[in-house]
């Protein structure tokens, strides 16, 4: 998954940077920045993150 694909996936899911960061497990005051860094290529998108995003795009929704 490229940074641009991640940004499009977030938009398709209707999530803000902060919401997507929380979905991927980021916490604290810097989570929005961490998500932004993923979408601009400053941070590497890890395989578990890619798989989780693809699951959400396929309709997966956890109970919480």
C-alpha atoms as a PDB file:
ATOM      1  CA  UNK A   1       0.000   0.000   0.000  1.00  0.00           C
ATOM      2  CA  UNK A   2       1.366   3.381  -0.960  1.00  0.00           C
ATOM      3  CA  UNK A   3       0.929   6.527   1.123  1.00  0.00           C
ATOM      4  CA  UNK A   4      -1.538   7.894  -1.473  1.00  0.00           C
ATOM      5  CA  UNK A   5      -3.564   4.670  -1.337  1.00  0.00           C
ATOM      6  CA  UNK A   6      -3.717   4.946   2.445  1.00  0.00           C
ATOM      7  CA  UNK A   7      -4.966   8.530   2.216  1.00  0.00           C
ATOM      8  CA  UNK A   8      -7.664   7.490  -0.289  1.00  0.00           C
ATOM      9  CA  UNK A   9      -8.676   4.571   1.941  1.00  0.00           C
ATOM     10  CA  UNK A  10      -9.059   6.928   4.910  1.00  0.00           C
ATOM     11  CA  UNK A  11     -11.204   9.274   2.843  1.00  0.00           C
ATOM     12  CA  UNK A  12     -13.295   6.361   1.551  1.00  0.00           C
ATOM     13  CA  UNK A  13     -13.878   5.221   5.127  1.00  0.00           C
ATOM     14  CA  UNK A  14     -14.888   8.758   6.103  1.00  0.00           C
ATOM     15  CA  UNK A  15     -12.272   9.037   8.840  1.00  0.00           C
ATOM     16  CA  UNK A  16     -10.210  11.983  10.016  1.00  0.00           C
ATOM     17  CA  UNK A  17      -6.444  11.661  10.438  1.00  0.00           C
ATOM     18  CA  UNK A  18      -6.963  11.284  14.183  1.00  0.00           C
ATOM     19  CA  UNK A  19      -9.677   8.623  13.802  1.00  0.00           C
ATOM     20  CA  UNK A  20      -7.585   6.577  11.374  1.00  0.00           C
ATOM     21  CA  UNK A  21      -4.581   6.834  13.667  1.00  0.00           C
ATOM     22  CA  UNK A  22      -6.656   5.523  16.581  1.00  0.00           C
ATOM     23  CA  UNK A  23      -7.959   2.670  14.416  1.00  0.00           C
ATOM     24  CA  UNK A  24      -4.352   1.704  13.664  1.00  0.00           C
ATOM     25  CA  UNK A  25      -3.478   1.718  17.353  1.00  0.00           C
ATOM     26  CA  UNK A  26      -1.663   5.031  17.695  1.00  0.00           C
ATOM     27  CA  UNK A  27      -2.224   6.833  20.986  1.00  0.00           C
ATOM     28  CA  UNK A  28      -1.362  10.125  22.569  1.00  0.00           C
ATOM     29  CA  UNK A  29      -1.129  13.673  21.350  1.00  0.00           C
ATOM     30  CA  UNK A  30       1.051  12.802  18.339  1.00  0.00           C
ATOM     31  CA  UNK A  31      -1.287  10.228  16.758  1.00  0.00           C
ATOM     32  CA  UNK A  32      -2.611  12.686  14.159  1.00  0.00           C
ATOM     33  CA  UNK A  33       0.945  13.554  13.130  1.00  0.00           C
ATOM     34  CA  UNK A  34       1.867   9.876  12.920  1.00  0.00           C
ATOM     35  CA  UNK A  35      -1.027   9.224  10.546  1.00  0.00           C
ATOM     36  CA  UNK A  36      -0.082  12.248   8.459  1.00  0.00           C
ATOM     37  CA  UNK A  37       3.472  10.900   8.260  1.00  0.00           C
ATOM     38  CA  UNK A  38       2.146   7.557   6.977  1.00  0.00           C
ATOM     39  CA  UNK A  39       0.132   9.315   4.273  1.00  0.00           C
ATOM     40  CA  UNK A  40       3.060  11.465   3.147  1.00  0.00           C
ATOM     41  CA  UNK A  41       5.641   8.684   3.124  1.00  0.00           C
ATOM     42  CA  UNK A  42       7.639   9.914   6.111  1.00  0.00           C
ATOM     43  CA  UNK A  43       6.754   6.723   8.005  1.00  0.00           C
ATOM     44  CA  UNK A  44       6.638   3.213   6.591  1.00  0.00           C
ATOM     45  CA  UNK A  45       3.238   1.524   6.293  1.00  0.00           C
ATOM     46  CA  UNK A  46       3.637  -1.821   8.017  1.00  0.00           C
ATOM     47  CA  UNK A  47       2.015  -5.034   6.821  1.00  0.00           C
ATOM     48  CA  UNK A  48      -0.424  -5.332   9.774  1.00  0.00           C
ATOM     49  CA  UNK A  49      -1.614  -1.766   9.130  1.00  0.00           C
ATOM     50  CA  UNK A  50      -2.188  -2.523   5.453  1.00  0.00           C
ATOM     51  CA  UNK A  51      -4.135  -5.689   6.276  1.00  0.00           C
ATOM     52  CA  UNK A  52      -6.323  -3.904   8.818  1.00  0.00           C
ATOM     53  CA  UNK A  53      -7.146  -1.104   6.367  1.00  0.00           C
ATOM     54  CA  UNK A  54      -8.013  -3.633   3.672  1.00  0.00           C
ATOM     55  CA  UNK A  55     -10.270  -5.471   6.134  1.00  0.00           C
ATOM     56  CA  UNK A  56     -12.117  -2.241   6.931  1.00  0.00           C
ATOM     57  CA  UNK A  57     -12.489  -1.478   3.224  1.00  0.00           C
ATOM     58  CA  UNK A  58     -13.998  -4.955   2.797  1.00  0.00           C
ATOM     59  CA  UNK A  59     -16.635  -4.248   5.439  1.00  0.00           C
ATOM     60  CA  UNK A  60     -15.049  -5.557   8.645  1.00  0.00           C
ATOM     61  CA  UNK A  61     -16.250  -3.745  11.762  1.00  0.00           C
ATOM     62  CA  UNK A  62     -15.156  -4.885  15.240  1.00  0.00           C
ATOM     63  CA  UNK A  63     -17.625  -4.884  18.098  1.00  0.00           C
ATOM     64  CA  UNK A  64     -15.856  -2.005  19.834  1.00  0.00           C
END
